[in-house]
Amino acid sequence: MTRELTVLQSLLPNLRQSQNALARHMEISPAALTQIIKYGYWPRSIASAELQQNAIDFLRRHGATELQIDAVEKEMAQQRAHAVAPVTQPEAHEPEDVHMLLRKQTLTREAKAHFRILRDPFTDEMACDADVFVSDDIRYVRAAMRQVAKHGGLLAVIAESGAGKSTLRHDLIDWINTNDEPVTVIEPYVLGMEDTNNKGRMLRATDITGAVIRRVAPGTRQRVSVQDRSEQMHDILRSSAQIGRKHLLIIEEAHCLATPTLKHLKRFYEVQEGFKKLLAIILIGQTELEWKLSEHNPEVREVVQRCEFARLGPLGPALEPYLRHKFARVDADFDAIFERGALEMIQEKLRTSITRRVRGQTQAQTVSLCYPLAVNNLVSGAMNQAVRIGAPKVSAQLIEASVRRES
């Protein structure tokens, strides 16, 4: 809320005090005080009236006039009346067996022999674009990624872990290479990337600039100052575009990007020559990326306004076509492996209830975890279990037993 920012930011310096000093007096963190000032969000763990009184005591102690204090009190009352939740990730509580479904399982040698399969349909199975299963969801996201590669744009591909984001990235690069598309792909090094340096290493705008220069003009000595290096990148992209090249920046694990870096993406996207943009951008990340790119977050609003979103959902009705495709790619007979009812049990076992805390309210939701990675692991476990008991096919009971055994 702009008015609160104006009151506090003008009053505290006049009193020769800082926000950190006010936060210490109120016995809250500087971040919590920023949430109050910037977004109008008051911590729910402490009574807002108590917090307000502590703030007023601080102002009065350091020389604020009663007129100033009265203005602050009125502002705070209005602020609480129109308070909004902060732009943060909702808390989610999931059963432990949900995480089990993401543990890697592979078919044993005995299972492959039992079902007459020469190779594992779920491990190192991607060799060409024909190996990629294409549902309506995947077809749309794949087309969106190719569109950005060819014609430019800013796209965020968002999905849960194991939904196939990395597969589509590999598919895109394979498509570019196979079709000799004049697209230079830039992929900054993201191993160990986190949104704060306390947890890992932040990917900064300067890192992206360096990655662009190295990839588009290998061997070029990079200039020292940030300003000079940015101009150097622009010149390199302009020269490359003049000979017909296009440039695509892909950032995987983009949910780990720090907010300042996300904010700077607008500047990369707007690098252009005349009306022609010189750098297309695809962000690939888990659902936390969507929370970070919330339109309610003023720090990234300019990026959000320019960004298209493409989401990969669970397989749902595409579960059977997906499994038929996977087994057909290894010359295996789907109908000889699964009994009727097995797929319905997979859908059931890959549904779970979770509780989320959103805007201070606890909400129960039923969500589907029927993503390729979870399906692969669950089916592999059931096929291995079938061998142990000598069952000719994977049944609903074996699917259920496999979940119980692993959990």
Protein backbone atom coordinates (compact mmCIF):
# COMPACT_ATOMS: atom_id res chain seq x y z
CA MET A 1 0.00 0.00 0.00
CA THR A 2 1.71 3.20 -1.17
CA ARG A 3 0.39 5.46 1.57
CA GLU A 4 1.96 3.34 4.38
CA LEU A 5 5.27 3.38 2.58
CA THR A 6 5.17 7.17 2.41
CA VAL A 7 4.31 7.66 6.10
CA LEU A 8 6.88 5.28 7.56
CA GLN A 9 9.65 6.04 5.12
CA SER A 10 9.33 9.77 5.66
CA LEU A 11 8.83 9.64 9.43
CA LEU A 12 11.59 7.24 10.49
CA PRO A 13 14.45 9.22 8.87
CA ASN A 14 13.09 12.40 10.44
CA LEU A 15 13.41 10.67 13.81
CA ARG A 16 16.91 9.47 12.83
CA GLN A 17 15.79 5.88 13.15
CA SER A 18 15.80 2.89 10.81
CA GLN A 19 13.29 0.16 9.97
CA ASN A 20 15.65 -2.39 11.52
CA ALA A 21 15.58 -0.50 14.81
CA LEU A 22 11.78 -0.39 14.69
CA ALA A 23 11.65 -4.14 13.94
CA ARG A 24 13.87 -4.89 16.95
CA HIS A 25 11.63 -2.84 19.21
CA MET A 26 8.51 -4.58 17.88
CA GLU A 27 10.28 -7.94 18.40
CA ILE A 28 9.70 -9.07 14.82
CA SER A 29 12.11 -9.70 11.99
CA PRO A 30 12.99 -6.97 9.48
CA ALA A 31 11.35 -9.15 6.83
CA ALA A 32 8.09 -9.25 8.81
CA LEU A 33 8.17 -5.47 9.16
CA THR A 34 8.72 -5.17 5.41
CA GLN A 35 5.62 -7.34 4.85
CA ILE A 36 3.64 -4.90 7.00
CA ILE A 37 4.99 -1.81 5.26
CA LYS A 38 5.12 -3.07 1.71
CA TYR A 39 2.15 -5.42 1.40
CA GLY A 40 -0.07 -4.52 4.34
CA TYR A 41 0.31 -8.01 5.83
CA TRP A 42 0.41 -8.33 9.61
CA PRO A 43 1.81 -11.53 11.21
CA ARG A 44 -0.99 -13.75 12.48
CA SER A 45 1.09 -15.19 15.30
CA ILE A 46 1.08 -11.83 17.17
CA ALA A 47 -1.92 -9.63 17.89
CA SER A 48 -1.87 -6.72 15.46
CA ALA A 49 -3.03 -4.33 18.18
CA GLU A 50 0.01 -5.29 20.25
CA LEU A 51 2.33 -4.78 17.31
CA GLN A 52 0.77 -1.41 16.55
CA GLN A 53 1.16 -0.28 20.16
CA ASN A 54 4.82 -1.30 20.16
CA ALA A 55 5.37 0.71 16.98
CA ILE A 56 3.63 3.77 18.46
CA ASP A 57 5.70 3.48 21.66
CA PHE A 58 8.86 3.44 19.54
CA LEU A 59 7.79 6.51 17.57
CA ARG A 60 6.79 8.43 20.69
CA ARG A 61 10.04 7.47 22.47
CA HIS A 62 12.07 8.89 19.60
CA GLY A 63 10.30 12.21 19.38
CA ALA A 64 7.29 11.76 17.10
CA THR A 65 4.59 14.36 17.62
CA GLU A 66 1.06 13.39 18.58
CA LEU A 67 -0.12 14.60 15.16
CA GLN A 68 2.35 12.25 13.46
CA ILE A 69 1.38 9.38 15.74
CA ASP A 70 -2.30 9.98 15.06
CA ALA A 71 -1.62 9.83 11.31
CA VAL A 72 0.31 6.58 11.70
CA GLU A 73 -2.46 5.00 13.82
CA LYS A 74 -5.10 5.91 11.23
CA GLU A 75 -2.91 4.54 8.44
CA MET A 76 -2.33 1.27 10.32
CA ALA A 77 -6.03 0.83 11.02
CA GLN A 78 -6.83 1.32 7.34
CA GLN A 79 -3.99 -1.01 6.41
CA ARG A 80 -5.31 -3.86 8.55
CA ALA A 81 -8.80 -3.36 7.17
CA HIS A 82 -7.50 -3.88 3.63
CA ALA A 83 -4.71 -6.33 4.42
CA VAL A 84 -3.73 -8.88 1.80
CA ALA A 85 -1.77 -12.07 2.20
CA PRO A 86 1.92 -11.89 1.32
CA VAL A 87 3.11 -13.36 -1.93
CA THR A 88 4.56 -16.58 -0.52
CA GLN A 89 4.36 -20.24 -1.23
CA PRO A 90 1.37 -21.88 0.49
CA GLU A 91 2.29 -24.42 3.13
CA ALA A 92 1.50 -27.93 1.99
CA HIS A 93 1.34 -31.05 4.11
CA GLU A 94 1.51 -34.33 2.24
CA PRO A 95 1.50 -37.94 3.42
CA GLU A 96 4.91 -39.60 3.54
CA ASP A 97 3.97 -42.18 0.89
CA VAL A 98 3.59 -39.39 -1.67
CA HIS A 99 7.36 -38.91 -1.64
CA MET A 100 7.91 -42.65 -2.02
CA LEU A 101 6.30 -42.50 -5.45
CA LEU A 102 9.10 -40.27 -6.68
CA ARG A 103 11.87 -42.67 -5.65
CA LYS A 104 13.50 -44.25 -8.64
CA GLN A 105 12.61 -47.90 -9.27
CA THR A 106 13.87 -50.00 -12.15
CA LEU A 107 12.70 -53.28 -13.58
CA THR A 108 14.73 -56.23 -12.38
CA ARG A 109 16.28 -58.69 -14.81
CA GLU A 110 13.74 -61.26 -13.63
CA ALA A 111 10.82 -58.90 -14.31
CA LYS A 112 12.01 -58.19 -17.84
CA ALA A 113 12.33 -61.90 -18.52
CA HIS A 114 8.95 -62.62 -16.91
CA PHE A 115 7.12 -60.10 -19.10
CA ARG A 116 9.31 -60.75 -22.17
CA ILE A 117 10.71 -57.23 -22.31
CA LEU A 118 14.18 -56.73 -23.75
CA ARG A 119 14.82 -53.36 -22.09
CA ASP A 120 13.34 -51.19 -19.38
CA PRO A 121 10.68 -48.88 -20.91
CA PHE A 122 11.21 -46.30 -18.16
CA THR A 123 15.02 -46.00 -17.85
CA ASP A 124 17.26 -44.24 -20.38
CA GLU A 125 14.49 -44.76 -22.89
CA MET A 126 14.65 -41.41 -24.69
CA ALA A 127 16.70 -41.67 -27.89
CA CYS A 128 14.63 -39.64 -30.39
CA ASP A 129 11.48 -37.55 -30.60
CA ALA A 130 9.41 -40.67 -31.37
CA ASP A 131 10.09 -41.82 -27.80
CA VAL A 132 8.29 -38.77 -26.40
CA PHE A 133 4.68 -39.43 -25.46
CA VAL A 134 2.47 -36.61 -26.68
CA SER A 135 -0.82 -35.92 -24.91
CA ASP A 136 -2.96 -32.85 -25.63
CA ASP A 137 -1.25 -31.10 -22.72
CA ILE A 138 2.24 -32.01 -23.87
CA ARG A 139 1.44 -31.17 -27.49
CA TYR A 140 0.39 -27.66 -26.50
CA VAL A 141 3.45 -27.02 -24.30
CA ARG A 142 5.77 -28.47 -26.93
CA ALA A 143 4.25 -26.20 -29.60
CA ALA A 144 4.53 -23.19 -27.29
CA MET A 145 8.22 -23.87 -26.69
CA ARG A 146 8.92 -24.26 -30.41
CA GLN A 147 7.00 -21.07 -31.15
CA VAL A 148 9.18 -19.12 -28.74
CA ALA A 149 12.35 -20.65 -30.21
CA LYS A 150 11.34 -19.64 -33.75
CA HIS A 151 9.54 -16.35 -33.22
CA GLY A 152 10.60 -15.06 -29.81
CA GLY A 153 8.76 -14.44 -26.57
CA LEU A 154 8.97 -15.04 -22.84
CA LEU A 155 7.49 -18.35 -21.68
CA ALA A 156 7.29 -20.04 -18.27
CA VAL A 157 6.76 -23.82 -18.38
CA ILE A 158 5.42 -24.91 -15.02
CA ALA A 159 4.74 -28.41 -13.68
CA GLU A 160 5.21 -30.66 -10.69
CA SER A 161 8.33 -32.78 -10.29
CA GLY A 162 8.28 -35.74 -12.68
CA ALA A 163 5.76 -34.23 -15.10
CA GLY A 164 8.15 -34.23 -18.06
CA LYS A 165 9.61 -30.71 -18.12
CA SER A 166 13.17 -31.85 -18.74
CA THR A 167 11.99 -34.27 -21.43
CA LEU A 168 10.39 -31.39 -23.30
CA ARG A 169 13.58 -29.34 -22.98
CA HIS A 170 15.58 -32.20 -24.53
CA ASP A 171 12.87 -32.58 -27.17
CA LEU A 172 13.11 -28.88 -28.05
CA ILE A 173 16.89 -28.96 -28.45
CA ASP A 174 16.66 -32.14 -30.52
CA TRP A 175 14.04 -30.48 -32.74
CA ILE A 176 16.29 -27.42 -33.22
CA ASN A 177 19.27 -29.60 -34.17
CA THR A 178 17.38 -32.07 -36.35
CA ASN A 179 15.65 -29.34 -38.34
CA ASP A 180 18.73 -27.12 -38.59
CA GLU A 181 16.81 -24.25 -37.04
CA PRO A 182 19.03 -21.13 -36.91
CA VAL A 183 18.65 -20.92 -33.13
CA THR A 184 21.52 -20.61 -30.65
CA VAL A 185 20.49 -22.06 -27.29
CA ILE A 186 21.97 -20.50 -24.16
CA GLU A 187 21.67 -22.51 -20.93
CA PRO A 188 23.31 -20.94 -17.86
CA TYR A 189 24.91 -23.36 -15.41
CA VAL A 190 22.27 -24.00 -12.73
CA LEU A 191 23.77 -26.85 -10.69
CA GLY A 192 23.51 -25.79 -7.04
CA MET A 193 21.39 -22.77 -7.90
CA GLU A 194 19.17 -21.46 -5.08
CA ASP A 195 17.25 -18.25 -4.50
CA THR A 196 19.57 -17.18 -1.66
CA ASN A 197 23.30 -17.57 -1.15
CA ASN A 198 22.57 -19.12 2.26
CA LYS A 199 21.23 -22.29 0.61
CA GLY A 200 23.40 -22.45 -2.51
CA ARG A 201 24.49 -20.05 -5.21
CA MET A 202 22.23 -17.40 -6.71
CA LEU A 203 22.16 -17.08 -10.49
CA ARG A 204 22.61 -13.38 -11.10
CA ALA A 205 21.93 -11.20 -14.10
CA THR A 206 25.70 -10.91 -14.66
CA ASP A 207 25.92 -14.72 -14.87
CA ILE A 208 23.29 -14.72 -17.61
CA THR A 209 25.12 -11.98 -19.49
CA GLY A 210 28.31 -14.02 -19.35
CA ALA A 211 26.54 -17.18 -20.50
CA VAL A 212 25.10 -15.36 -23.53
CA ILE A 213 28.51 -14.01 -24.54
CA ARG A 214 30.24 -17.38 -24.11
CA ARG A 215 27.64 -19.27 -26.12
CA VAL A 216 27.03 -16.79 -28.95
CA ALA A 217 30.65 -15.65 -29.35
CA PRO A 218 32.90 -18.42 -27.94
CA GLY A 219 36.39 -17.29 -27.01
CA THR A 220 35.46 -13.62 -26.73
CA ARG A 221 37.14 -11.87 -23.83
CA GLN A 222 34.45 -10.40 -21.60
CA ARG A 223 34.68 -6.80 -20.54
CA VAL A 224 35.22 -6.05 -16.87
CA SER A 225 32.48 -3.63 -15.83
CA VAL A 226 28.84 -4.72 -15.72
CA GLN A 227 27.79 -1.84 -17.99
CA ASP A 228 30.47 -2.59 -20.57
CA ARG A 229 29.69 -6.30 -20.51
CA SER A 230 25.99 -5.62 -21.03
CA GLU A 231 26.78 -3.44 -24.04
CA GLN A 232 29.13 -6.16 -25.31
CA MET A 233 26.34 -8.74 -25.07
CA HIS A 234 23.98 -6.45 -26.99
CA ASP A 235 26.57 -5.92 -29.74
CA ILE A 236 27.21 -9.67 -30.01
CA LEU A 237 23.50 -10.49 -30.23
CA ARG A 238 22.98 -7.76 -32.81
CA SER A 239 25.84 -9.03 -35.00
CA SER A 240 24.60 -12.62 -34.71
CA ALA A 241 21.05 -11.59 -35.65
CA GLN A 242 22.34 -9.77 -38.73
CA ILE A 243 23.54 -13.09 -40.17
CA GLY A 244 20.17 -14.72 -39.48
CA ARG A 245 20.71 -16.33 -36.09
CA LYS A 246 18.09 -16.39 -33.36
CA HIS A 247 18.88 -16.75 -29.67
CA LEU A 248 17.03 -18.70 -26.99
CA LEU A 249 17.81 -18.46 -23.28
CA ILE A 250 16.59 -21.54 -21.37
CA ILE A 251 16.76 -21.57 -17.57
CA GLU A 252 15.86 -24.90 -15.99
CA GLU A 253 15.02 -25.16 -12.27
CA ALA A 254 13.77 -21.59 -12.63
CA HIS A 255 11.76 -21.91 -9.41
CA CYS A 256 15.15 -21.48 -7.68
CA LEU A 257 15.75 -18.07 -9.26
CA ALA A 258 16.05 -15.16 -6.86
CA THR A 259 13.47 -12.40 -7.19
CA PRO A 260 16.05 -9.77 -8.29
CA THR A 261 17.13 -12.06 -11.13
CA LEU A 262 13.54 -12.65 -12.19
CA LYS A 263 13.03 -8.91 -12.15
CA HIS A 264 16.07 -8.38 -14.41
CA LEU A 265 14.72 -10.80 -17.02
CA LYS A 266 12.59 -7.96 -18.36
CA ARG A 267 15.79 -6.19 -19.40
CA PHE A 268 17.13 -9.27 -21.17
CA TYR A 269 13.81 -9.76 -22.95
CA GLU A 270 13.83 -6.15 -24.12
CA VAL A 271 17.30 -6.32 -25.69
CA GLN A 272 16.43 -5.52 -29.29
CA GLU A 273 17.43 -3.91 -32.57
CA GLY A 274 14.66 -1.65 -33.82
CA PHE A 275 11.46 -3.62 -33.33
CA LYS A 276 13.24 -6.97 -33.38
CA LYS A 277 13.92 -8.61 -30.05
CA LEU A 278 17.26 -10.40 -29.92
CA LEU A 279 16.74 -12.86 -27.07
CA ALA A 280 13.82 -15.23 -26.46
CA ILE A 281 13.46 -16.73 -22.96
CA ILE A 282 11.99 -19.99 -21.66
CA LEU A 283 11.83 -20.57 -17.89
CA ILE A 284 11.27 -24.16 -16.79
CA GLY A 285 10.33 -24.79 -13.18
CA GLN A 286 8.12 -26.36 -10.56
CA THR A 287 4.97 -24.76 -9.20
CA GLU A 288 6.98 -22.47 -6.90
CA LEU A 289 7.88 -20.52 -10.04
CA GLU A 290 4.23 -19.62 -10.55
CA TRP A 291 4.06 -18.34 -6.97
CA LYS A 292 7.17 -16.24 -7.52
CA LEU A 293 5.70 -14.87 -10.74
CA SER A 294 2.48 -13.81 -9.07
CA GLU A 295 0.82 -10.76 -10.56
CA HIS A 296 0.28 -9.59 -6.98
CA ASN A 297 4.03 -9.31 -6.42
CA PRO A 298 4.98 -5.74 -7.41
CA GLU A 299 8.67 -6.63 -7.69
CA VAL A 300 8.12 -8.90 -10.70
CA ARG A 301 4.95 -7.38 -12.14
CA GLU A 302 6.70 -6.05 -15.25
CA VAL A 303 8.02 -9.55 -16.02
CA VAL A 304 4.64 -11.19 -15.40
CA GLN A 305 2.94 -8.76 -17.80
CA ARG A 306 5.23 -9.97 -20.60
CA CYS A 307 5.25 -13.67 -19.73
CA GLU A 308 3.11 -16.46 -21.16
CA PHE A 309 2.46 -19.49 -18.94
CA ALA A 310 2.26 -23.11 -20.11
CA ARG A 311 1.35 -25.75 -17.52
CA LEU A 312 1.79 -29.52 -17.62
CA GLY A 313 -0.94 -31.26 -15.67
CA PRO A 314 -1.22 -34.89 -14.53
CA LEU A 315 -1.81 -37.59 -17.15
CA GLY A 316 -5.44 -38.19 -16.16
CA PRO A 317 -7.30 -39.87 -19.08
CA ALA A 318 -3.98 -40.08 -20.96
CA LEU A 319 -2.62 -42.68 -18.52
CA GLU A 320 -3.48 -45.69 -20.69
CA PRO A 321 -2.22 -44.12 -23.96
CA TYR A 322 0.95 -43.15 -22.10
CA LEU A 323 1.65 -46.69 -20.89
CA ARG A 324 0.73 -48.20 -24.25
CA HIS A 325 3.20 -45.85 -25.89
CA LYS A 326 5.99 -46.68 -23.43
CA PHE A 327 5.64 -50.43 -23.86
CA ALA A 328 5.20 -50.21 -27.64
CA ARG A 329 8.55 -48.41 -27.84
CA VAL A 330 10.25 -51.52 -26.38
CA ASP A 331 8.16 -53.93 -28.51
CA ALA A 332 6.15 -55.15 -25.51
CA ASP A 333 2.46 -56.12 -25.48
CA PHE A 334 0.58 -53.82 -23.11
CA ASP A 335 -2.46 -56.13 -22.94
CA ALA A 336 -0.26 -59.06 -21.95
CA ILE A 337 1.11 -57.11 -18.98
CA PHE A 338 -1.90 -55.39 -17.35
CA GLU A 339 -5.17 -56.81 -16.08
CA ARG A 340 -8.38 -54.86 -16.27
CA GLY A 341 -8.68 -52.59 -13.26
CA ALA A 342 -4.94 -52.05 -12.84
CA LEU A 343 -5.03 -48.60 -14.42
CA GLU A 344 -7.94 -47.49 -12.27
CA MET A 345 -5.94 -48.52 -9.20
CA ILE A 346 -2.94 -46.52 -10.46
CA GLN A 347 -5.15 -43.45 -10.72
CA GLU A 348 -6.52 -44.08 -7.24
CA LYS A 349 -3.14 -44.62 -5.63
CA LEU A 350 -1.79 -41.51 -7.28
CA ARG A 351 -4.45 -39.33 -5.72
CA THR A 352 -3.87 -37.84 -2.32
CA SER A 353 -5.36 -35.33 0.07
CA ILE A 354 -3.19 -32.44 1.17
CA THR A 355 -3.76 -29.44 3.35
CA ARG A 356 -2.62 -26.02 2.25
CA ARG A 357 -2.50 -22.86 4.29
CA VAL A 358 -3.46 -20.02 2.01
CA ARG A 359 -4.13 -16.49 3.26
CA GLY A 360 -4.24 -17.80 6.81
CA GLN A 361 -6.91 -20.39 6.02
CA THR A 362 -6.32 -24.16 6.07
CA GLN A 363 -7.79 -25.83 3.00
CA ALA A 364 -8.04 -29.56 2.26
CA GLN A 365 -7.60 -30.55 -1.38
CA THR A 366 -7.50 -33.78 -3.35
CA VAL A 367 -4.77 -33.68 -5.97
CA SER A 368 -3.56 -36.09 -8.62
CA LEU A 369 0.06 -37.18 -8.66
CA CYS A 370 -0.43 -39.12 -11.88
CA TYR A 371 2.69 -37.73 -13.53
CA PRO A 372 5.02 -39.81 -15.73
CA LEU A 373 7.77 -40.25 -13.14
CA ALA A 374 5.39 -41.45 -10.42
CA VAL A 375 3.63 -43.77 -12.89
CA ASN A 376 6.95 -45.19 -14.05
CA ASN A 377 8.06 -45.97 -10.52
CA LEU A 378 4.73 -47.40 -9.41
CA VAL A 379 4.38 -49.66 -12.46
CA SER A 380 8.00 -50.84 -12.18
CA GLY A 381 7.45 -51.73 -8.53
CA ALA A 382 4.25 -53.64 -9.33
CA MET A 383 5.94 -55.58 -12.16
CA ASN A 384 8.81 -56.52 -9.85
CA GLN A 385 6.24 -57.59 -7.25
CA ALA A 386 4.44 -59.76 -9.83
CA VAL A 387 7.63 -61.76 -10.37
CA ARG A 388 8.00 -62.43 -6.66
CA ILE A 389 4.59 -64.09 -6.44
CA GLY A 390 4.54 -65.56 -9.94
CA ALA A 391 1.56 -63.49 -11.17
CA PRO A 392 1.16 -63.53 -14.98
CA LYS A 393 -0.06 -59.91 -15.14
CA VAL A 394 -0.09 -56.70 -13.12
CA SER A 395 -3.41 -56.50 -11.29
CA ALA A 396 -5.10 -53.84 -9.20
CA GLN A 397 -4.13 -55.81 -6.10
CA LEU A 398 -0.47 -55.80 -7.12
CA ILE A 399 -0.55 -52.04 -7.65
CA GLU A 400 -2.00 -51.61 -4.16
CA ALA A 401 0.45 -54.08 -2.64
CA SER A 402 3.38 -52.32 -4.31
CA VAL A 403 2.43 -49.02 -2.71
CA ARG A 404 2.06 -50.63 0.72
CA ARG A 405 5.36 -52.47 0.41
CA GLU A 406 7.35 -49.40 -0.55
CA SER A 407 5.73 -47.10 1.98
